[in-house]
Amino acid sequence: MKKRIKPLPAIIVGAAILIGAIWFINESRYPNVPAFDDHFTRKFLNKDKKVSDGFYEFKSKTNQYTMWFPEEYQVLHKYREDYTRNDESYENWSAAYIQPYENDKQTYAIKVEFSENDTKSASIYVASLFKEQLDSKKTKQVETSNTRIYYDYAYTYFRGTNQHIVHNDKRLLR
């Protein structure tokens, strides 16, 4: 008696091989960097537009702005409040990068909030945010004809119950 291949298992195996091959080809199109390893983050990035060494073009889901996004960061999305958006007028997100350091890890973060507000109250909001988060009284600012960016740099560490903020190579105790 001749043995025949049963059609249903052969179809299932063939479909699994085809789906696996398509998935592998699709995944190999992305750069081999942490930002593209995360499926949520890659939705914002243009894999074909490396704007500078270590940066890819990030396009907001509000379609209101683009920016350079570091290739080692990933947009946080574990909790609902990690990424929020309201149509085209508001978007709030954070991205993080964890780097091993000696016997520990250091976390670097980017926090972005896009909001179409009146410019009169923006400076009050920015001053409050930077004072609270970075203990910064004077932010740096870049302004073009239609964009204003406030920025500063600091890092925080804890020794016991004391929080230390290092800002412009000056140690502050909070």
N, C-alpha and C. Protein backbone atom coordinates (compact mmCIF):
# COMPACT_ATOMS: atom_id res chain seq x y z
N MET A 1 0.83 -1.17 0.00
CA MET A 1 0.00 0.00 0.00
C MET A 1 0.88 1.25 0.00
N LYS A 2 0.54 2.16 -0.83
CA LYS A 2 1.29 3.39 -0.94
C LYS A 2 0.94 4.34 0.19
N LYS A 3 1.99 4.99 0.76
CA LYS A 3 1.72 5.99 1.80
C LYS A 3 1.57 7.34 1.13
N ARG A 4 0.55 8.06 1.53
CA ARG A 4 0.31 9.40 1.00
C ARG A 4 0.54 10.41 2.10
N ILE A 5 0.98 11.57 1.68
CA ILE A 5 1.08 12.68 2.63
C ILE A 5 -0.33 13.20 2.83
N LYS A 6 -0.69 13.33 4.07
CA LYS A 6 -2.02 13.84 4.37
C LYS A 6 -2.04 15.33 4.06
N PRO A 7 -3.05 15.81 3.37
CA PRO A 7 -3.05 17.21 2.91
C PRO A 7 -3.10 18.25 4.02
N LEU A 8 -3.85 18.05 5.08
CA LEU A 8 -3.99 19.07 6.11
C LEU A 8 -2.67 19.35 6.84
N PRO A 9 -1.95 18.35 7.34
CA PRO A 9 -0.67 18.63 7.98
C PRO A 9 0.34 19.27 7.02
N ALA A 10 0.33 18.85 5.75
CA ALA A 10 1.25 19.43 4.77
C ALA A 10 0.94 20.90 4.54
N ILE A 11 -0.33 21.25 4.50
CA ILE A 11 -0.74 22.65 4.31
C ILE A 11 -0.33 23.48 5.51
N ILE A 12 -0.53 22.95 6.72
CA ILE A 12 -0.15 23.67 7.94
C ILE A 12 1.35 23.89 8.00
N VAL A 13 2.14 22.87 7.71
CA VAL A 13 3.60 23.00 7.72
C VAL A 13 4.05 23.99 6.66
N GLY A 14 3.48 23.91 5.47
CA GLY A 14 3.83 24.83 4.38
C GLY A 14 3.49 26.27 4.74
N ALA A 15 2.31 26.49 5.35
CA ALA A 15 1.90 27.85 5.76
C ALA A 15 2.83 28.38 6.85
N ALA A 16 3.22 27.52 7.80
CA ALA A 16 4.13 27.94 8.87
C ALA A 16 5.49 28.34 8.30
N ILE A 17 6.00 27.58 7.36
CA ILE A 17 7.29 27.92 6.73
C ILE A 17 7.17 29.24 5.96
N LEU A 18 6.09 29.42 5.23
CA LEU A 18 5.89 30.66 4.47
C LEU A 18 5.76 31.87 5.39
N ILE A 19 4.99 31.75 6.45
CA ILE A 19 4.83 32.86 7.41
C ILE A 19 6.17 33.16 8.09
N GLY A 20 6.91 32.14 8.47
CA GLY A 20 8.23 32.33 9.08
C GLY A 20 9.20 33.03 8.14
N ALA A 21 9.18 32.67 6.88
CA ALA A 21 10.07 33.30 5.90
C ALA A 21 9.70 34.76 5.69
N ILE A 22 8.42 35.05 5.61
CA ILE A 22 7.96 36.44 5.44
C ILE A 22 8.35 37.26 6.66
N TRP A 23 8.15 36.71 7.86
CA TRP A 23 8.51 37.43 9.09
C TRP A 23 10.01 37.71 9.12
N PHE A 24 10.83 36.71 8.77
CA PHE A 24 12.29 36.87 8.78
C PHE A 24 12.73 37.94 7.78
N ILE A 25 12.17 37.94 6.59
CA ILE A 25 12.52 38.95 5.59
C ILE A 25 12.11 40.33 6.06
N ASN A 26 10.93 40.45 6.64
CA ASN A 26 10.45 41.75 7.15
C ASN A 26 11.35 42.26 8.27
N GLU A 27 11.74 41.40 9.22
CA GLU A 27 12.58 41.81 10.34
C GLU A 27 13.99 42.19 9.87
N SER A 28 14.49 41.56 8.85
CA SER A 28 15.85 41.85 8.39
C SER A 28 15.95 43.19 7.68
N ARG A 29 14.82 43.81 7.34
CA ARG A 29 14.83 45.12 6.68
C ARG A 29 15.16 46.24 7.66
N TYR A 30 15.01 46.01 8.97
CA TYR A 30 15.25 47.04 9.97
C TYR A 30 16.71 47.05 10.41
N PRO A 31 17.23 48.24 10.74
CA PRO A 31 18.61 48.30 11.25
C PRO A 31 18.74 47.51 12.56
N ASN A 32 19.91 47.00 12.81
CA ASN A 32 20.16 46.19 14.00
C ASN A 32 20.58 47.10 15.16
N VAL A 33 19.63 47.90 15.66
CA VAL A 33 19.87 48.80 16.79
C VAL A 33 18.69 48.66 17.76
N PRO A 34 18.89 48.98 19.05
CA PRO A 34 17.83 48.79 20.05
C PRO A 34 16.51 49.49 19.71
N ALA A 35 16.55 50.67 19.11
CA ALA A 35 15.31 51.38 18.81
C ALA A 35 14.41 50.57 17.88
N PHE A 36 14.99 49.85 16.95
CA PHE A 36 14.19 49.06 16.02
C PHE A 36 13.88 47.67 16.54
N ASP A 37 14.51 47.27 17.64
CA ASP A 37 14.17 45.98 18.26
C ASP A 37 12.80 46.03 18.93
N ASP A 38 12.36 47.22 19.32
CA ASP A 38 11.08 47.41 19.97
C ASP A 38 10.02 47.76 18.92
N HIS A 39 8.97 46.96 18.82
CA HIS A 39 7.96 47.17 17.79
C HIS A 39 7.19 48.47 17.97
N PHE A 40 7.00 48.91 19.20
CA PHE A 40 6.30 50.18 19.43
C PHE A 40 7.15 51.35 18.97
N THR A 41 8.42 51.36 19.32
CA THR A 41 9.32 52.46 18.96
C THR A 41 9.47 52.56 17.45
N ARG A 42 9.58 51.42 16.78
CA ARG A 42 9.82 51.47 15.33
C ARG A 42 8.66 52.07 14.55
N LYS A 43 7.46 52.15 15.16
CA LYS A 43 6.33 52.79 14.48
C LYS A 43 6.57 54.28 14.26
N PHE A 44 7.44 54.89 15.07
CA PHE A 44 7.72 56.31 14.98
C PHE A 44 8.92 56.62 14.08
N LEU A 45 9.74 55.62 13.80
CA LEU A 45 11.03 55.86 13.15
C LEU A 45 11.00 55.53 11.67
N ASN A 46 11.80 56.28 10.93
CA ASN A 46 11.97 56.04 9.50
C ASN A 46 13.26 55.26 9.33
N LYS A 47 13.15 53.97 9.04
CA LYS A 47 14.33 53.11 8.95
C LYS A 47 15.27 53.51 7.81
N ASP A 48 14.74 54.20 6.84
CA ASP A 48 15.54 54.60 5.69
C ASP A 48 16.17 55.98 5.85
N LYS A 49 15.88 56.65 6.95
CA LYS A 49 16.38 58.02 7.11
C LYS A 49 17.23 58.12 8.37
N LYS A 50 18.50 57.75 8.24
CA LYS A 50 19.46 57.93 9.33
C LYS A 50 19.97 59.36 9.18
N VAL A 51 19.55 60.24 10.08
CA VAL A 51 19.83 61.67 9.94
C VAL A 51 21.26 62.03 10.32
N SER A 52 21.86 61.26 11.19
CA SER A 52 23.24 61.48 11.61
C SER A 52 23.72 60.19 12.24
N ASP A 53 25.00 60.12 12.52
CA ASP A 53 25.54 58.92 13.13
C ASP A 53 24.88 58.68 14.49
N GLY A 54 24.16 57.58 14.63
CA GLY A 54 23.50 57.24 15.89
C GLY A 54 22.09 57.78 16.04
N PHE A 55 21.53 58.40 15.00
CA PHE A 55 20.19 59.00 15.09
C PHE A 55 19.37 58.66 13.86
N TYR A 56 18.07 58.41 14.10
CA TYR A 56 17.11 58.19 13.02
C TYR A 56 16.01 59.23 13.14
N GLU A 57 15.32 59.46 12.03
CA GLU A 57 14.22 60.43 12.05
C GLU A 57 13.03 59.85 12.80
N PHE A 58 12.53 60.62 13.75
CA PHE A 58 11.36 60.28 14.55
C PHE A 58 10.23 61.18 14.06
N LYS A 59 9.08 60.59 13.72
CA LYS A 59 7.93 61.37 13.30
C LYS A 59 6.81 61.18 14.30
N SER A 60 6.34 62.28 14.85
CA SER A 60 5.29 62.26 15.84
C SER A 60 4.00 61.70 15.25
N LYS A 61 3.21 61.05 16.10
CA LYS A 61 1.90 60.55 15.67
C LYS A 61 0.87 61.68 15.52
N THR A 62 1.21 62.87 15.99
CA THR A 62 0.33 64.02 15.77
C THR A 62 0.60 64.65 14.41
N ASN A 63 1.68 64.22 13.76
CA ASN A 63 2.14 64.80 12.49
C ASN A 63 2.49 66.27 12.61
N GLN A 64 2.85 66.71 13.82
CA GLN A 64 3.18 68.11 14.05
C GLN A 64 4.68 68.36 14.09
N TYR A 65 5.48 67.34 14.32
CA TYR A 65 6.92 67.56 14.41
C TYR A 65 7.70 66.28 14.08
N THR A 66 8.95 66.47 13.70
CA THR A 66 9.90 65.39 13.57
C THR A 66 11.13 65.77 14.39
N MET A 67 11.92 64.79 14.76
CA MET A 67 13.12 65.07 15.54
C MET A 67 14.14 63.96 15.31
N TRP A 68 15.36 64.19 15.76
CA TRP A 68 16.39 63.16 15.72
C TRP A 68 16.20 62.29 16.95
N PHE A 69 16.14 60.98 16.75
CA PHE A 69 15.93 60.04 17.85
C PHE A 69 17.16 59.14 17.97
N PRO A 70 17.76 59.05 19.18
CA PRO A 70 18.95 58.22 19.36
C PRO A 70 18.63 56.73 19.17
N GLU A 71 19.50 56.04 18.46
CA GLU A 71 19.23 54.65 18.09
C GLU A 71 19.25 53.68 19.27
N GLU A 72 19.83 54.06 20.42
CA GLU A 72 19.86 53.13 21.55
C GLU A 72 18.67 53.29 22.49
N TYR A 73 17.83 54.29 22.28
CA TYR A 73 16.67 54.53 23.15
C TYR A 73 15.44 53.78 22.62
N GLN A 74 14.48 53.55 23.53
CA GLN A 74 13.20 52.97 23.16
C GLN A 74 12.09 53.76 23.83
N VAL A 75 11.00 54.00 23.10
CA VAL A 75 9.85 54.72 23.64
C VAL A 75 9.16 53.80 24.64
N LEU A 76 8.90 54.33 25.84
CA LEU A 76 8.24 53.55 26.88
C LEU A 76 6.76 53.38 26.53
N HIS A 77 6.23 52.17 26.79
CA HIS A 77 4.83 51.92 26.46
C HIS A 77 4.20 50.83 27.33
N LYS A 78 4.87 50.49 28.41
CA LYS A 78 4.35 49.42 29.28
C LYS A 78 3.05 49.84 29.96
N TYR A 79 2.99 51.08 30.41
CA TYR A 79 1.80 51.58 31.08
C TYR A 79 1.08 52.59 30.19
N ARG A 80 -0.20 52.73 30.41
CA ARG A 80 -1.02 53.61 29.57
C ARG A 80 -0.52 55.05 29.58
N GLU A 81 0.01 55.52 30.72
CA GLU A 81 0.46 56.91 30.80
C GLU A 81 1.84 57.12 30.19
N ASP A 82 2.54 56.06 29.78
CA ASP A 82 3.86 56.22 29.16
C ASP A 82 3.78 56.96 27.83
N TYR A 83 2.73 56.69 27.08
CA TYR A 83 2.51 57.39 25.81
C TYR A 83 1.06 57.84 25.76
N THR A 84 0.85 59.14 25.67
CA THR A 84 -0.52 59.67 25.56
C THR A 84 -0.58 60.65 24.41
N ARG A 85 -1.74 60.70 23.77
CA ARG A 85 -1.93 61.59 22.63
C ARG A 85 -3.39 61.99 22.56
N ASN A 86 -3.62 63.24 22.18
CA ASN A 86 -4.96 63.74 21.97
C ASN A 86 -5.00 64.36 20.58
N ASP A 87 -5.49 63.60 19.64
CA ASP A 87 -5.58 64.06 18.25
C ASP A 87 -4.26 64.66 17.80
N GLU A 88 -4.31 65.90 17.31
CA GLU A 88 -3.10 66.56 16.80
C GLU A 88 -2.62 67.68 17.70
N SER A 89 -3.27 67.89 18.85
CA SER A 89 -2.91 69.04 19.67
C SER A 89 -2.05 68.69 20.88
N TYR A 90 -1.91 67.40 21.21
CA TYR A 90 -1.16 67.03 22.41
C TYR A 90 -0.53 65.65 22.25
N GLU A 91 0.72 65.54 22.68
CA GLU A 91 1.40 64.25 22.69
C GLU A 91 2.43 64.27 23.82
N ASN A 92 2.48 63.21 24.60
CA ASN A 92 3.37 63.11 25.74
C ASN A 92 4.00 61.72 25.74
N TRP A 93 5.32 61.65 25.75
CA TRP A 93 5.98 60.35 25.78
C TRP A 93 7.36 60.46 26.41
N SER A 94 7.86 59.30 26.80
CA SER A 94 9.21 59.20 27.36
C SER A 94 9.93 58.06 26.65
N ALA A 95 11.24 58.20 26.56
CA ALA A 95 12.07 57.14 26.01
C ALA A 95 13.22 56.92 26.99
N ALA A 96 13.74 55.71 27.02
CA ALA A 96 14.81 55.41 27.97
C ALA A 96 15.86 54.52 27.33
N TYR A 97 17.03 54.60 27.93
CA TYR A 97 18.18 53.79 27.53
C TYR A 97 18.87 53.36 28.81
N ILE A 98 19.06 52.07 28.98
CA ILE A 98 19.72 51.55 30.19
C ILE A 98 21.11 51.06 29.79
N GLN A 99 22.11 51.62 30.46
CA GLN A 99 23.50 51.29 30.15
C GLN A 99 24.14 50.63 31.36
N PRO A 100 24.77 49.47 31.17
CA PRO A 100 25.50 48.86 32.29
C PRO A 100 26.65 49.77 32.72
N TYR A 101 26.83 49.87 34.02
CA TYR A 101 27.90 50.70 34.57
C TYR A 101 28.48 50.00 35.78
N GLU A 102 29.73 49.56 35.68
CA GLU A 102 30.39 48.80 36.72
C GLU A 102 29.48 47.65 37.15
N ASN A 103 29.05 47.60 38.40
CA ASN A 103 28.17 46.51 38.86
C ASN A 103 26.72 46.96 38.92
N ASP A 104 26.39 48.00 38.22
CA ASP A 104 25.05 48.59 38.30
C ASP A 104 24.58 48.95 36.89
N LYS A 105 23.49 49.67 36.82
CA LYS A 105 22.97 50.15 35.55
C LYS A 105 22.63 51.63 35.70
N GLN A 106 22.83 52.38 34.63
CA GLN A 106 22.43 53.78 34.60
C GLN A 106 21.31 53.92 33.58
N THR A 107 20.31 54.68 33.95
CA THR A 107 19.18 54.91 33.05
C THR A 107 19.23 56.35 32.56
N TYR A 108 19.18 56.50 31.25
CA TYR A 108 19.11 57.81 30.62
C TYR A 108 17.70 57.93 30.04
N ALA A 109 17.13 59.12 30.11
CA ALA A 109 15.75 59.27 29.67
C ALA A 109 15.56 60.55 28.88
N ILE A 110 14.58 60.51 28.00
CA ILE A 110 14.11 61.67 27.25
C ILE A 110 12.64 61.82 27.57
N LYS A 111 12.20 63.00 27.89
CA LYS A 111 10.79 63.27 28.16
C LYS A 111 10.34 64.34 27.19
N VAL A 112 9.30 64.07 26.42
CA VAL A 112 8.80 65.02 25.43
C VAL A 112 7.32 65.26 25.68
N GLU A 113 6.95 66.52 25.68
CA GLU A 113 5.54 66.88 25.75
C GLU A 113 5.28 67.93 24.68
N PHE A 114 4.43 67.59 23.74
CA PHE A 114 4.05 68.52 22.70
C PHE A 114 2.64 68.97 22.99
N SER A 115 2.44 70.29 23.00
CA SER A 115 1.13 70.82 23.30
C SER A 115 0.95 72.15 22.58
N GLU A 116 -0.19 72.30 21.97
CA GLU A 116 -0.50 73.59 21.36
C GLU A 116 -1.16 74.45 22.43
N ASN A 117 -0.36 75.32 23.05
CA ASN A 117 -0.83 76.18 24.13
C ASN A 117 -0.67 77.64 23.74
N ASP A 118 -1.23 78.49 24.59
CA ASP A 118 -0.95 79.90 24.39
C ASP A 118 0.47 80.16 24.91
N THR A 119 1.22 80.96 24.19
CA THR A 119 2.62 81.19 24.53
C THR A 119 2.80 82.00 25.79
N LYS A 120 1.76 82.68 26.27
CA LYS A 120 1.89 83.49 27.48
C LYS A 120 2.12 82.62 28.72
N SER A 121 1.44 81.49 28.81
CA SER A 121 1.58 80.64 30.00
C SER A 121 2.69 79.60 29.84
N ALA A 122 3.25 79.45 28.66
CA ALA A 122 4.28 78.43 28.43
C ALA A 122 5.49 78.64 29.31
N SER A 123 5.96 79.87 29.45
CA SER A 123 7.17 80.11 30.23
C SER A 123 6.96 79.77 31.71
N ILE A 124 5.77 80.00 32.22
CA ILE A 124 5.47 79.65 33.62
C ILE A 124 5.49 78.13 33.79
N TYR A 125 4.86 77.42 32.86
CA TYR A 125 4.82 75.96 32.91
C TYR A 125 6.23 75.37 32.79
N VAL A 126 7.02 75.88 31.85
CA VAL A 126 8.38 75.38 31.63
C VAL A 126 9.24 75.61 32.86
N ALA A 127 9.17 76.82 33.44
CA ALA A 127 9.96 77.14 34.63
C ALA A 127 9.60 76.19 35.77
N SER A 128 8.33 75.92 35.96
CA SER A 128 7.88 75.03 37.02
C SER A 128 8.36 73.59 36.78
N LEU A 129 8.25 73.12 35.56
CA LEU A 129 8.67 71.76 35.21
C LEU A 129 10.17 71.57 35.43
N PHE A 130 10.97 72.51 34.94
CA PHE A 130 12.43 72.39 35.08
C PHE A 130 12.87 72.54 36.53
N LYS A 131 12.21 73.37 37.30
CA LYS A 131 12.54 73.53 38.71
C LYS A 131 12.25 72.23 39.45
N GLU A 132 11.11 71.63 39.17
CA GLU A 132 10.71 70.39 39.85
C GLU A 132 11.58 69.21 39.45
N GLN A 133 11.85 69.04 38.16
CA GLN A 133 12.55 67.85 37.68
C GLN A 133 14.07 67.95 37.75
N LEU A 134 14.62 69.13 37.48
CA LEU A 134 16.06 69.27 37.38
C LEU A 134 16.66 70.25 38.37
N ASP A 135 15.83 70.84 39.20
CA ASP A 135 16.26 71.89 40.12
C ASP A 135 16.99 72.99 39.34
N SER A 136 16.44 73.32 38.19
CA SER A 136 17.05 74.29 37.28
C SER A 136 16.24 75.58 37.30
N LYS A 137 16.92 76.66 37.50
CA LYS A 137 16.24 77.96 37.52
C LYS A 137 16.31 78.67 36.18
N LYS A 138 17.31 78.37 35.38
CA LYS A 138 17.50 79.04 34.10
C LYS A 138 17.66 77.98 33.02
N THR A 139 16.67 77.86 32.15
CA THR A 139 16.74 76.87 31.08
C THR A 139 17.38 77.51 29.86
N LYS A 140 17.90 76.64 29.02
CA LYS A 140 18.43 77.10 27.73
C LYS A 140 17.28 77.04 26.73
N GLN A 141 17.39 77.84 25.69
CA GLN A 141 16.27 77.93 24.75
C GLN A 141 16.79 78.06 23.33
N VAL A 142 16.13 77.35 22.41
CA VAL A 142 16.37 77.48 20.98
C VAL A 142 15.04 77.88 20.37
N GLU A 143 15.05 78.90 19.53
CA GLU A 143 13.79 79.37 18.96
C GLU A 143 13.96 79.62 17.46
N THR A 144 12.97 79.16 16.71
CA THR A 144 12.91 79.45 15.28
C THR A 144 11.63 80.23 15.04
N SER A 145 11.28 80.45 13.81
CA SER A 145 10.08 81.23 13.52
C SER A 145 8.80 80.58 14.02
N ASN A 146 8.77 79.24 14.11
CA ASN A 146 7.54 78.58 14.55
C ASN A 146 7.75 77.53 15.65
N THR A 147 8.95 77.45 16.24
CA THR A 147 9.22 76.45 17.26
C THR A 147 10.07 77.05 18.38
N ARG A 148 9.75 76.66 19.60
CA ARG A 148 10.55 77.05 20.74
C ARG A 148 10.87 75.78 21.54
N ILE A 149 12.16 75.53 21.78
CA ILE A 149 12.59 74.34 22.51
C ILE A 149 13.34 74.79 23.75
N TYR A 150 12.90 74.30 24.92
CA TYR A 150 13.58 74.55 26.18
C TYR A 150 14.33 73.28 26.54
N TYR A 151 15.55 73.43 27.06
CA TYR A 151 16.30 72.24 27.43
C TYR A 151 17.28 72.55 28.56
N ASP A 152 17.71 71.50 29.23
CA ASP A 152 18.74 71.57 30.24
C ASP A 152 19.20 70.14 30.51
N TYR A 153 20.22 69.98 31.31
CA TYR A 153 20.78 68.67 31.58
C TYR A 153 21.11 68.55 33.07
N ALA A 154 20.77 67.42 33.63
CA ALA A 154 21.14 67.13 35.01
C ALA A 154 20.95 65.64 35.23
N TYR A 155 21.53 65.14 36.29
CA TYR A 155 21.23 63.77 36.66
C TYR A 155 21.08 63.69 38.17
N THR A 156 20.32 62.69 38.59
CA THR A 156 19.97 62.53 39.99
C THR A 156 20.49 61.19 40.49
N TYR A 157 20.98 61.17 41.71
CA TYR A 157 21.30 59.91 42.34
C TYR A 157 20.94 60.01 43.82
N PHE A 158 20.78 58.87 44.45
CA PHE A 158 20.40 58.83 45.86
C PHE A 158 21.52 58.20 46.68
N ARG A 159 21.82 58.81 47.79
CA ARG A 159 22.73 58.24 48.77
C ARG A 159 21.95 58.21 50.07
N GLY A 160 21.57 57.02 50.47
CA GLY A 160 20.69 56.90 51.63
C GLY A 160 19.33 57.48 51.26
N THR A 161 18.84 58.39 52.09
CA THR A 161 17.55 59.01 51.80
C THR A 161 17.72 60.38 51.16
N ASN A 162 18.96 60.81 50.93
CA ASN A 162 19.21 62.12 50.33
C ASN A 162 19.28 62.02 48.80
N GLN A 163 18.57 62.89 48.14
CA GLN A 163 18.60 62.94 46.69
C GLN A 163 19.62 64.00 46.27
N HIS A 164 20.54 63.63 45.42
CA HIS A 164 21.56 64.55 44.92
C HIS A 164 21.30 64.81 43.45
N ILE A 165 21.29 66.08 43.07
CA ILE A 165 21.13 66.45 41.67
C ILE A 165 22.42 67.11 41.22
N VAL A 166 22.99 66.57 40.17
CA VAL A 166 24.22 67.13 39.62
C VAL A 166 23.82 67.90 38.37
N HIS A 167 24.14 69.18 38.39
CA HIS A 167 23.69 70.09 37.33
C HIS A 167 24.83 71.04 37.01
N ASN A 168 25.30 71.02 35.78
CA ASN A 168 26.42 71.86 35.37
C ASN A 168 27.64 71.67 36.26
N ASP A 169 27.94 70.41 36.55
CA ASP A 169 29.10 70.05 37.38
C ASP A 169 29.05 70.67 38.76
N LYS A 170 27.88 71.04 39.23
CA LYS A 170 27.71 71.60 40.55
C LYS A 170 26.79 70.66 41.30
N ARG A 171 27.17 70.21 42.48
CA ARG A 171 26.34 69.28 43.25
C ARG A 171 25.37 70.06 44.12
N LEU A 172 24.12 69.68 44.02
CA LEU A 172 23.07 70.29 44.82
C LEU A 172 22.47 69.23 45.72
N LEU A 173 22.16 69.57 46.93
CA LEU A 173 21.53 68.63 47.86
C LEU A 173 20.08 69.04 48.02
N ARG A 174 19.21 68.11 47.87
CA ARG A 174 17.77 68.40 47.99
C ARG A 174 17.23 67.75 49.22
